[in-house]
Amino acid sequence: MNTKNLTLMAILVAVGAALYLVIPGYGEGMKPDFMLTMMFIGIFLFPDVKSVFLLGATTGIISGIFTSFPGGFIPNIIDKFITAFIVYAVIVAMKKLSQHLVVSTMIACLGTLLSGTIFLSVAIYVMGANVPFGLLFLTVVLPAIAMNGVVFFIMYPIITGLLKRTSFKTALHH
């Protein structure tokens, strides 16, 4: 694993954390998880098992630390880890198609849907949080899908455009 690539992945996670901290909450203080968006960008740029493992683990831990959801630390780790590998599998399976911005944005939106569903399921059914799944899905997960999709659609081309001019060894250079 290349030190430059590790640095870029760390920057993506840091940007996601910064976005999470500055975005105001809605629906009882819940926030969209822009670390998820940065994780998806990292997976698109570095589609290998080691990178996906690191991105899933770090975004899960940092999201868990910053979460405002009661008992949300463990559900964040579980959901990011599972979501990272499923999104990775989709990207690998759809190698040529996933290079198109609209398709990659759809993958990010579906990844957000998956992440929100896993998070709420683990929080409610495993951790025993006393919150309504349907209400939180409608008021938090669905808006997060839209917001993450828009942020991904805007940021991914900017990041890839910048990286094409560098010596970073990403999926863009293969």
N, C-alpha and C. Protein backbone atom coordinates (compact mmCIF):
# COMPACT_ATOMS: atom_id res chain seq x y z
N MET A 1 0.85 -1.17 0.00
CA MET A 1 0.00 0.00 0.00
C MET A 1 0.89 1.23 0.00
N ASN A 2 0.57 2.15 -0.84
CA ASN A 2 1.34 3.36 -1.09
C ASN A 2 1.05 4.42 -0.03
N THR A 3 2.10 5.08 0.48
CA THR A 3 1.93 6.13 1.50
C THR A 3 1.11 7.30 0.97
N LYS A 4 1.30 7.65 -0.29
CA LYS A 4 0.51 8.74 -0.88
C LYS A 4 -0.97 8.39 -0.87
N ASN A 5 -1.28 7.15 -1.21
CA ASN A 5 -2.68 6.73 -1.23
C ASN A 5 -3.28 6.72 0.18
N LEU A 6 -2.49 6.27 1.16
CA LEU A 6 -2.96 6.31 2.55
C LEU A 6 -3.24 7.75 2.98
N THR A 7 -2.36 8.65 2.57
CA THR A 7 -2.54 10.06 2.90
C THR A 7 -3.82 10.61 2.27
N LEU A 8 -4.05 10.27 1.01
CA LEU A 8 -5.27 10.75 0.35
C LEU A 8 -6.52 10.16 1.01
N MET A 9 -6.47 8.89 1.37
CA MET A 9 -7.62 8.30 2.06
C MET A 9 -7.85 9.00 3.40
N ALA A 10 -6.77 9.33 4.13
CA ALA A 10 -6.91 10.03 5.40
C ALA A 10 -7.51 11.42 5.19
N ILE A 11 -7.11 12.09 4.12
CA ILE A 11 -7.66 13.41 3.82
C ILE A 11 -9.15 13.30 3.51
N LEU A 12 -9.54 12.29 2.75
CA LEU A 12 -10.96 12.10 2.44
C LEU A 12 -11.77 11.87 3.72
N VAL A 13 -11.25 11.04 4.61
CA VAL A 13 -11.95 10.78 5.87
C VAL A 13 -12.02 12.06 6.70
N ALA A 14 -10.92 12.83 6.72
CA ALA A 14 -10.91 14.10 7.48
C ALA A 14 -11.90 15.10 6.90
N VAL A 15 -12.00 15.19 5.58
CA VAL A 15 -12.97 16.09 4.96
C VAL A 15 -14.39 15.65 5.33
N GLY A 16 -14.63 14.35 5.30
CA GLY A 16 -15.94 13.83 5.70
C GLY A 16 -16.26 14.17 7.14
N ALA A 17 -15.28 14.05 8.02
CA ALA A 17 -15.49 14.39 9.44
C ALA A 17 -15.76 15.88 9.60
N ALA A 18 -15.00 16.71 8.88
CA ALA A 18 -15.20 18.16 8.96
C ALA A 18 -16.60 18.53 8.46
N LEU A 19 -17.01 17.94 7.34
CA LEU A 19 -18.36 18.21 6.83
C LEU A 19 -19.42 17.79 7.84
N TYR A 20 -19.21 16.64 8.47
CA TYR A 20 -20.16 16.16 9.46
C TYR A 20 -20.28 17.15 10.62
N LEU A 21 -19.16 17.71 11.03
CA LEU A 21 -19.17 18.62 12.18
C LEU A 21 -19.80 19.97 11.87
N VAL A 22 -19.68 20.45 10.64
CA VAL A 22 -20.19 21.79 10.33
C VAL A 22 -21.62 21.79 9.79
N ILE A 23 -22.12 20.66 9.34
CA ILE A 23 -23.49 20.58 8.82
C ILE A 23 -24.46 20.58 9.99
N PRO A 24 -25.45 21.48 9.97
CA PRO A 24 -26.43 21.49 11.07
C PRO A 24 -27.33 20.26 11.04
N GLY A 25 -27.77 19.86 12.20
CA GLY A 25 -28.64 18.70 12.30
C GLY A 25 -30.09 19.03 11.96
N TYR A 26 -30.86 18.01 11.71
CA TYR A 26 -32.29 18.15 11.45
C TYR A 26 -32.97 16.93 12.06
N GLY A 27 -34.28 16.98 12.20
CA GLY A 27 -35.03 15.84 12.73
C GLY A 27 -34.48 15.36 14.06
N GLU A 28 -34.56 16.18 15.09
CA GLU A 28 -34.07 15.83 16.43
C GLU A 28 -32.54 15.77 16.48
N GLY A 29 -31.87 16.57 15.66
CA GLY A 29 -30.40 16.64 15.70
C GLY A 29 -29.68 15.63 14.84
N MET A 30 -30.41 14.83 14.08
CA MET A 30 -29.77 13.84 13.21
C MET A 30 -29.10 14.57 12.05
N LYS A 31 -28.00 13.99 11.55
CA LYS A 31 -27.25 14.61 10.46
C LYS A 31 -26.99 13.60 9.36
N PRO A 32 -26.91 14.08 8.12
CA PRO A 32 -26.47 13.17 7.05
C PRO A 32 -24.99 12.87 7.27
N ASP A 33 -24.58 11.68 6.92
CA ASP A 33 -23.22 11.24 7.17
C ASP A 33 -22.36 11.43 5.93
N PHE A 34 -21.74 12.60 5.82
CA PHE A 34 -20.91 12.87 4.66
C PHE A 34 -19.60 12.09 4.69
N MET A 35 -19.28 11.48 5.83
CA MET A 35 -18.12 10.58 5.85
C MET A 35 -18.39 9.39 4.94
N LEU A 36 -19.65 9.03 4.84
CA LEU A 36 -20.05 7.95 3.94
C LEU A 36 -19.74 8.32 2.49
N THR A 37 -20.04 9.55 2.12
CA THR A 37 -19.76 10.02 0.77
C THR A 37 -18.26 9.97 0.49
N MET A 38 -17.47 10.42 1.44
CA MET A 38 -16.01 10.41 1.27
C MET A 38 -15.48 8.97 1.22
N MET A 39 -16.11 8.08 1.99
CA MET A 39 -15.72 6.67 1.93
C MET A 39 -16.00 6.11 0.54
N PHE A 40 -17.14 6.45 -0.03
CA PHE A 40 -17.46 5.96 -1.38
C PHE A 40 -16.45 6.50 -2.40
N ILE A 41 -16.10 7.77 -2.30
CA ILE A 41 -15.11 8.33 -3.21
C ILE A 41 -13.79 7.58 -3.06
N GLY A 42 -13.40 7.32 -1.82
CA GLY A 42 -12.17 6.55 -1.57
C GLY A 42 -12.23 5.16 -2.18
N ILE A 43 -13.37 4.51 -2.09
CA ILE A 43 -13.50 3.16 -2.66
C ILE A 43 -13.43 3.22 -4.19
N PHE A 44 -14.04 4.23 -4.78
CA PHE A 44 -13.95 4.38 -6.24
C PHE A 44 -12.51 4.63 -6.68
N LEU A 45 -11.77 5.40 -5.89
CA LEU A 45 -10.39 5.72 -6.25
C LEU A 45 -9.43 4.57 -5.97
N PHE A 46 -9.67 3.84 -4.90
CA PHE A 46 -8.77 2.76 -4.48
C PHE A 46 -9.55 1.46 -4.29
N PRO A 47 -9.99 0.86 -5.39
CA PRO A 47 -10.82 -0.35 -5.27
C PRO A 47 -9.99 -1.62 -5.04
N ASP A 48 -9.43 -1.71 -3.84
CA ASP A 48 -8.73 -2.94 -3.44
C ASP A 48 -9.12 -3.26 -2.00
N VAL A 49 -8.99 -4.51 -1.62
CA VAL A 49 -9.51 -4.99 -0.34
C VAL A 49 -8.88 -4.25 0.84
N LYS A 50 -7.56 -4.03 0.82
CA LYS A 50 -6.90 -3.35 1.94
C LYS A 50 -7.43 -1.93 2.13
N SER A 51 -7.57 -1.21 1.02
CA SER A 51 -8.07 0.17 1.10
C SER A 51 -9.51 0.20 1.58
N VAL A 52 -10.33 -0.71 1.08
CA VAL A 52 -11.74 -0.77 1.49
C VAL A 52 -11.82 -1.09 2.99
N PHE A 53 -10.99 -2.01 3.44
CA PHE A 53 -10.96 -2.36 4.86
C PHE A 53 -10.63 -1.11 5.70
N LEU A 54 -9.56 -0.40 5.31
CA LEU A 54 -9.15 0.79 6.06
C LEU A 54 -10.22 1.89 6.02
N LEU A 55 -10.78 2.13 4.84
CA LEU A 55 -11.82 3.16 4.72
C LEU A 55 -13.05 2.80 5.54
N GLY A 56 -13.48 1.55 5.46
CA GLY A 56 -14.66 1.13 6.23
C GLY A 56 -14.43 1.23 7.73
N ALA A 57 -13.26 0.77 8.17
CA ALA A 57 -12.96 0.80 9.61
C ALA A 57 -12.82 2.23 10.13
N THR A 58 -12.06 3.06 9.43
CA THR A 58 -11.82 4.42 9.93
C THR A 58 -13.08 5.27 9.88
N THR A 59 -13.84 5.19 8.79
CA THR A 59 -15.07 5.99 8.74
C THR A 59 -16.08 5.50 9.78
N GLY A 60 -16.11 4.19 10.01
CA GLY A 60 -17.01 3.65 11.03
C GLY A 60 -16.66 4.15 12.42
N ILE A 61 -15.38 4.10 12.76
CA ILE A 61 -14.95 4.53 14.09
C ILE A 61 -15.17 6.04 14.27
N ILE A 62 -14.75 6.82 13.28
CA ILE A 62 -14.90 8.28 13.43
C ILE A 62 -16.36 8.68 13.40
N SER A 63 -17.17 8.07 12.54
CA SER A 63 -18.62 8.36 12.56
C SER A 63 -19.22 7.98 13.91
N GLY A 64 -18.77 6.86 14.45
CA GLY A 64 -19.26 6.43 15.75
C GLY A 64 -18.90 7.40 16.86
N ILE A 65 -17.70 7.97 16.79
CA ILE A 65 -17.28 8.94 17.80
C ILE A 65 -18.13 10.20 17.73
N PHE A 66 -18.45 10.64 16.52
CA PHE A 66 -19.16 11.91 16.34
C PHE A 66 -20.69 11.76 16.33
N THR A 67 -21.21 10.56 16.38
CA THR A 67 -22.65 10.38 16.23
C THR A 67 -23.44 11.03 17.36
N SER A 68 -24.61 11.52 17.00
CA SER A 68 -25.52 12.06 18.02
C SER A 68 -26.61 11.05 18.34
N PHE A 69 -26.57 9.90 17.68
CA PHE A 69 -27.57 8.84 17.89
C PHE A 69 -27.23 8.10 19.18
N PRO A 70 -28.21 7.91 20.06
CA PRO A 70 -27.92 7.20 21.32
C PRO A 70 -27.46 5.77 21.07
N GLY A 71 -26.29 5.43 21.57
CA GLY A 71 -25.75 4.08 21.39
C GLY A 71 -25.31 3.81 19.96
N GLY A 72 -24.96 4.86 19.22
CA GLY A 72 -24.66 4.72 17.80
C GLY A 72 -23.25 4.34 17.43
N PHE A 73 -22.35 4.18 18.41
CA PHE A 73 -20.96 3.87 18.08
C PHE A 73 -20.82 2.52 17.37
N ILE A 74 -21.30 1.47 17.98
CA ILE A 74 -21.19 0.12 17.41
C ILE A 74 -21.97 0.00 16.10
N PRO A 75 -23.21 0.49 16.03
CA PRO A 75 -23.93 0.42 14.75
C PRO A 75 -23.19 1.14 13.60
N ASN A 76 -22.51 2.26 13.91
CA ASN A 76 -21.75 2.96 12.88
C ASN A 76 -20.61 2.10 12.35
N ILE A 77 -19.89 1.45 13.24
CA ILE A 77 -18.77 0.61 12.81
C ILE A 77 -19.28 -0.54 11.95
N ILE A 78 -20.32 -1.20 12.41
CA ILE A 78 -20.87 -2.34 11.67
C ILE A 78 -21.39 -1.90 10.31
N ASP A 79 -22.15 -0.81 10.28
CA ASP A 79 -22.76 -0.40 9.01
C ASP A 79 -21.72 0.07 8.00
N LYS A 80 -20.72 0.82 8.43
CA LYS A 80 -19.71 1.30 7.47
C LYS A 80 -18.89 0.14 6.92
N PHE A 81 -18.56 -0.79 7.77
CA PHE A 81 -17.74 -1.93 7.34
C PHE A 81 -18.48 -2.78 6.31
N ILE A 82 -19.72 -3.12 6.61
CA ILE A 82 -20.52 -3.93 5.67
C ILE A 82 -20.78 -3.15 4.39
N THR A 83 -21.19 -1.90 4.52
CA THR A 83 -21.48 -1.06 3.36
C THR A 83 -20.26 -0.91 2.46
N ALA A 84 -19.09 -0.69 3.06
CA ALA A 84 -17.86 -0.51 2.28
C ALA A 84 -17.61 -1.72 1.39
N PHE A 85 -17.73 -2.91 1.94
CA PHE A 85 -17.44 -4.11 1.14
C PHE A 85 -18.52 -4.42 0.11
N ILE A 86 -19.76 -4.10 0.41
CA ILE A 86 -20.82 -4.31 -0.58
C ILE A 86 -20.67 -3.32 -1.74
N VAL A 87 -20.39 -2.06 -1.42
CA VAL A 87 -20.16 -1.07 -2.48
C VAL A 87 -18.94 -1.45 -3.30
N TYR A 88 -17.90 -1.92 -2.64
CA TYR A 88 -16.70 -2.39 -3.35
C TYR A 88 -17.06 -3.52 -4.31
N ALA A 89 -17.86 -4.47 -3.86
CA ALA A 89 -18.27 -5.60 -4.72
C ALA A 89 -19.07 -5.10 -5.92
N VAL A 90 -19.93 -4.12 -5.71
CA VAL A 90 -20.72 -3.56 -6.81
C VAL A 90 -19.80 -2.85 -7.81
N ILE A 91 -18.85 -2.09 -7.30
CA ILE A 91 -17.91 -1.37 -8.19
C ILE A 91 -17.09 -2.35 -9.01
N VAL A 92 -16.62 -3.42 -8.38
CA VAL A 92 -15.83 -4.43 -9.10
C VAL A 92 -16.71 -5.14 -10.13
N ALA A 93 -17.94 -5.46 -9.76
CA ALA A 93 -18.84 -6.18 -10.67
C ALA A 93 -19.25 -5.30 -11.86
N MET A 94 -19.34 -4.01 -11.63
CA MET A 94 -19.78 -3.08 -12.69
C MET A 94 -18.61 -2.19 -13.13
N LYS A 95 -17.44 -2.78 -13.27
CA LYS A 95 -16.21 -2.03 -13.50
C LYS A 95 -16.34 -0.92 -14.54
N LYS A 96 -16.77 -1.24 -15.75
CA LYS A 96 -16.87 -0.24 -16.82
C LYS A 96 -17.99 0.76 -16.56
N LEU A 97 -19.15 0.25 -16.16
CA LEU A 97 -20.30 1.13 -15.92
C LEU A 97 -20.06 2.10 -14.77
N SER A 98 -19.38 1.63 -13.72
CA SER A 98 -19.20 2.47 -12.54
C SER A 98 -18.26 3.64 -12.78
N GLN A 99 -17.65 3.72 -13.95
CA GLN A 99 -16.78 4.84 -14.27
C GLN A 99 -17.57 6.07 -14.74
N HIS A 100 -18.85 5.90 -15.01
CA HIS A 100 -19.70 7.01 -15.43
C HIS A 100 -20.26 7.72 -14.20
N LEU A 101 -20.27 9.03 -14.22
CA LEU A 101 -20.66 9.82 -13.06
C LEU A 101 -22.08 9.50 -12.58
N VAL A 102 -23.02 9.36 -13.50
CA VAL A 102 -24.40 9.09 -13.09
C VAL A 102 -24.49 7.72 -12.41
N VAL A 103 -23.82 6.73 -12.97
CA VAL A 103 -23.86 5.38 -12.38
C VAL A 103 -23.15 5.38 -11.02
N SER A 104 -21.99 6.04 -10.94
CA SER A 104 -21.28 6.07 -9.67
C SER A 104 -22.10 6.83 -8.61
N THR A 105 -22.82 7.86 -9.02
CA THR A 105 -23.68 8.58 -8.08
C THR A 105 -24.83 7.68 -7.61
N MET A 106 -25.38 6.90 -8.52
CA MET A 106 -26.44 5.96 -8.14
C MET A 106 -25.90 4.91 -7.16
N ILE A 107 -24.67 4.45 -7.39
CA ILE A 107 -24.06 3.49 -6.47
C ILE A 107 -23.89 4.13 -5.09
N ALA A 108 -23.47 5.40 -5.06
CA ALA A 108 -23.31 6.11 -3.78
C ALA A 108 -24.67 6.26 -3.08
N CYS A 109 -25.71 6.56 -3.85
CA CYS A 109 -27.06 6.69 -3.26
C CYS A 109 -27.54 5.35 -2.71
N LEU A 110 -27.34 4.29 -3.48
CA LEU A 110 -27.74 2.96 -3.00
C LEU A 110 -26.91 2.54 -1.79
N GLY A 111 -25.63 2.92 -1.79
CA GLY A 111 -24.78 2.65 -0.64
C GLY A 111 -25.27 3.39 0.60
N THR A 112 -25.74 4.61 0.43
CA THR A 112 -26.29 5.38 1.54
C THR A 112 -27.57 4.73 2.06
N LEU A 113 -28.40 4.26 1.14
CA LEU A 113 -29.62 3.54 1.51
C LEU A 113 -29.27 2.30 2.33
N LEU A 114 -28.31 1.54 1.84
CA LEU A 114 -27.86 0.33 2.54
C LEU A 114 -27.30 0.68 3.91
N SER A 115 -26.45 1.69 3.96
CA SER A 115 -25.83 2.09 5.21
C SER A 115 -26.88 2.52 6.24
N GLY A 116 -27.82 3.34 5.83
CA GLY A 116 -28.87 3.79 6.74
C GLY A 116 -29.72 2.64 7.25
N THR A 117 -30.03 1.72 6.36
CA THR A 117 -30.84 0.56 6.75
C THR A 117 -30.09 -0.32 7.74
N ILE A 118 -28.82 -0.57 7.45
CA ILE A 118 -28.01 -1.40 8.37
C ILE A 118 -27.86 -0.70 9.71
N PHE A 119 -27.54 0.60 9.66
CA PHE A 119 -27.35 1.35 10.90
C PHE A 119 -28.60 1.28 11.79
N LEU A 120 -29.75 1.63 11.21
CA LEU A 120 -30.98 1.62 12.01
C LEU A 120 -31.32 0.21 12.50
N SER A 121 -31.14 -0.78 11.66
CA SER A 121 -31.43 -2.17 12.05
C SER A 121 -30.56 -2.61 13.21
N VAL A 122 -29.27 -2.35 13.12
CA VAL A 122 -28.35 -2.74 14.20
C VAL A 122 -28.67 -1.95 15.46
N ALA A 123 -28.91 -0.65 15.33
CA ALA A 123 -29.20 0.18 16.51
C ALA A 123 -30.47 -0.28 17.21
N ILE A 124 -31.49 -0.60 16.43
CA ILE A 124 -32.78 -0.95 17.03
C ILE A 124 -32.83 -2.41 17.48
N TYR A 125 -32.47 -3.32 16.59
CA TYR A 125 -32.68 -4.74 16.88
C TYR A 125 -31.53 -5.40 17.62
N VAL A 126 -30.32 -4.89 17.49
CA VAL A 126 -29.19 -5.50 18.18
C VAL A 126 -28.87 -4.72 19.46
N MET A 127 -28.80 -3.40 19.34
CA MET A 127 -28.42 -2.57 20.49
C MET A 127 -29.62 -2.22 21.37
N GLY A 128 -30.84 -2.41 20.84
CA GLY A 128 -32.04 -2.17 21.63
C GLY A 128 -32.46 -0.72 21.76
N ALA A 129 -32.05 0.12 20.82
CA ALA A 129 -32.49 1.53 20.87
C ALA A 129 -34.00 1.59 20.70
N ASN A 130 -34.63 2.41 21.49
CA ASN A 130 -36.09 2.52 21.46
C ASN A 130 -36.49 3.70 20.56
N VAL A 131 -36.34 3.48 19.24
CA VAL A 131 -36.68 4.51 18.26
C VAL A 131 -37.45 3.85 17.11
N PRO A 132 -38.33 4.61 16.46
CA PRO A 132 -39.13 4.05 15.37
C PRO A 132 -38.34 3.97 14.06
N PHE A 133 -38.19 2.76 13.52
CA PHE A 133 -37.43 2.55 12.28
C PHE A 133 -38.02 3.35 11.12
N GLY A 134 -39.31 3.19 10.89
CA GLY A 134 -39.95 3.83 9.73
C GLY A 134 -39.84 5.34 9.74
N LEU A 135 -40.08 5.93 10.89
CA LEU A 135 -40.00 7.39 11.00
C LEU A 135 -38.58 7.88 10.75
N LEU A 136 -37.60 7.22 11.35
CA LEU A 136 -36.20 7.63 11.14
C LEU A 136 -35.76 7.38 9.71
N PHE A 137 -36.26 6.31 9.12
CA PHE A 137 -35.91 6.03 7.72
C PHE A 137 -36.42 7.15 6.82
N LEU A 138 -37.66 7.56 7.04
CA LEU A 138 -38.25 8.63 6.22
C LEU A 138 -37.64 10.00 6.48
N THR A 139 -37.35 10.30 7.74
CA THR A 139 -36.90 11.64 8.07
C THR A 139 -35.38 11.83 8.08
N VAL A 140 -34.63 10.73 8.16
CA VAL A 140 -33.17 10.86 8.20
C VAL A 140 -32.51 10.17 7.01
N VAL A 141 -32.85 8.91 6.77
CA VAL A 141 -32.15 8.15 5.72
C VAL A 141 -32.49 8.67 4.33
N LEU A 142 -33.75 8.88 4.02
CA LEU A 142 -34.12 9.35 2.68
C LEU A 142 -33.52 10.73 2.36
N PRO A 143 -33.60 11.71 3.28
CA PRO A 143 -32.91 12.97 2.99
C PRO A 143 -31.39 12.81 2.86
N ALA A 144 -30.82 11.90 3.66
CA ALA A 144 -29.37 11.67 3.57
C ALA A 144 -28.99 11.09 2.21
N ILE A 145 -29.84 10.25 1.65
CA ILE A 145 -29.58 9.69 0.32
C ILE A 145 -29.51 10.83 -0.70
N ALA A 146 -30.47 11.73 -0.64
CA ALA A 146 -30.50 12.85 -1.58
C ALA A 146 -29.28 13.76 -1.39
N MET A 147 -28.98 14.10 -0.14
CA MET A 147 -27.85 14.99 0.12
C MET A 147 -26.52 14.35 -0.25
N ASN A 148 -26.33 13.09 0.12
CA ASN A 148 -25.09 12.40 -0.23
C ASN A 148 -24.95 12.27 -1.74
N GLY A 149 -26.06 12.03 -2.43
CA GLY A 149 -26.02 11.94 -3.89
C GLY A 149 -25.57 13.24 -4.52
N VAL A 150 -26.12 14.35 -4.04
CA VAL A 150 -25.75 15.66 -4.58
C VAL A 150 -24.29 15.96 -4.27
N VAL A 151 -23.87 15.72 -3.04
CA VAL A 151 -22.47 15.99 -2.65
C VAL A 151 -21.52 15.11 -3.46
N PHE A 152 -21.85 13.83 -3.63
CA PHE A 152 -21.01 12.94 -4.42
C PHE A 152 -20.92 13.44 -5.86
N PHE A 153 -22.06 13.79 -6.43
CA PHE A 153 -22.12 14.24 -7.83
C PHE A 153 -21.26 15.49 -8.05
N ILE A 154 -21.18 16.35 -7.06
CA ILE A 154 -20.38 17.56 -7.18
C ILE A 154 -18.90 17.29 -6.87
N MET A 155 -18.62 16.57 -5.80
CA MET A 155 -17.24 16.41 -5.34
C MET A 155 -16.43 15.39 -6.12
N TYR A 156 -17.05 14.30 -6.55
CA TYR A 156 -16.28 13.24 -7.21
C TYR A 156 -15.58 13.75 -8.48
N PRO A 157 -16.24 14.48 -9.37
CA PRO A 157 -15.53 14.99 -10.54
C PRO A 157 -14.42 15.98 -10.19
N ILE A 158 -14.62 16.76 -9.15
CA ILE A 158 -13.59 17.71 -8.73
C ILE A 158 -12.35 16.95 -8.26
N ILE A 159 -12.57 15.97 -7.39
CA ILE A 159 -11.45 15.19 -6.85
C ILE A 159 -10.75 14.40 -7.95
N THR A 160 -11.52 13.76 -8.82
CA THR A 160 -10.89 12.99 -9.90
C THR A 160 -10.15 13.90 -10.87
N GLY A 161 -10.68 15.08 -11.13
CA GLY A 161 -10.00 16.03 -12.00
C GLY A 161 -8.66 16.46 -11.42
N LEU A 162 -8.64 16.70 -10.12
CA LEU A 162 -7.38 17.07 -9.47
C LEU A 162 -6.39 15.91 -9.47
N LEU A 163 -6.89 14.71 -9.23
CA LEU A 163 -5.99 13.55 -9.14
C LEU A 163 -5.40 13.15 -10.49
N LYS A 164 -6.08 13.45 -11.56
CA LYS A 164 -5.55 13.11 -12.88
C LYS A 164 -4.27 13.89 -13.18
N ARG A 165 -4.07 14.99 -12.48
CA ARG A 165 -2.88 15.82 -12.69
C ARG A 165 -1.76 15.49 -11.70
N THR A 166 -1.94 14.46 -10.89
CA THR A 166 -0.94 14.12 -9.88
C THR A 166 -0.32 12.76 -10.17
N SER A 167 0.57 12.37 -9.27
CA SER A 167 1.22 11.06 -9.41
C SER A 167 0.56 10.00 -8.53
N PHE A 168 -0.61 10.33 -7.97
CA PHE A 168 -1.30 9.33 -7.16
C PHE A 168 -1.67 8.13 -8.02
N LYS A 169 -1.51 6.94 -7.47
CA LYS A 169 -1.86 5.71 -8.19
C LYS A 169 -3.27 5.30 -7.78
N THR A 170 -4.25 5.83 -8.48
CA THR A 170 -5.66 5.52 -8.19
C THR A 170 -6.22 4.69 -9.34
N ALA A 171 -7.49 4.32 -9.19
CA ALA A 171 -8.17 3.58 -10.26
C ALA A 171 -8.28 4.41 -11.52
N LEU A 172 -8.13 5.72 -11.41
CA LEU A 172 -8.21 6.60 -12.57
C LEU A 172 -7.03 6.42 -13.51
N HIS A 173 -5.90 5.93 -12.98
CA HIS A 173 -4.69 5.80 -13.77
C HIS A 173 -4.50 4.40 -14.36
N HIS A 174 -5.43 3.52 -14.13
CA HIS A 174 -5.29 2.14 -14.63
C HIS A 174 -5.98 1.99 -15.96
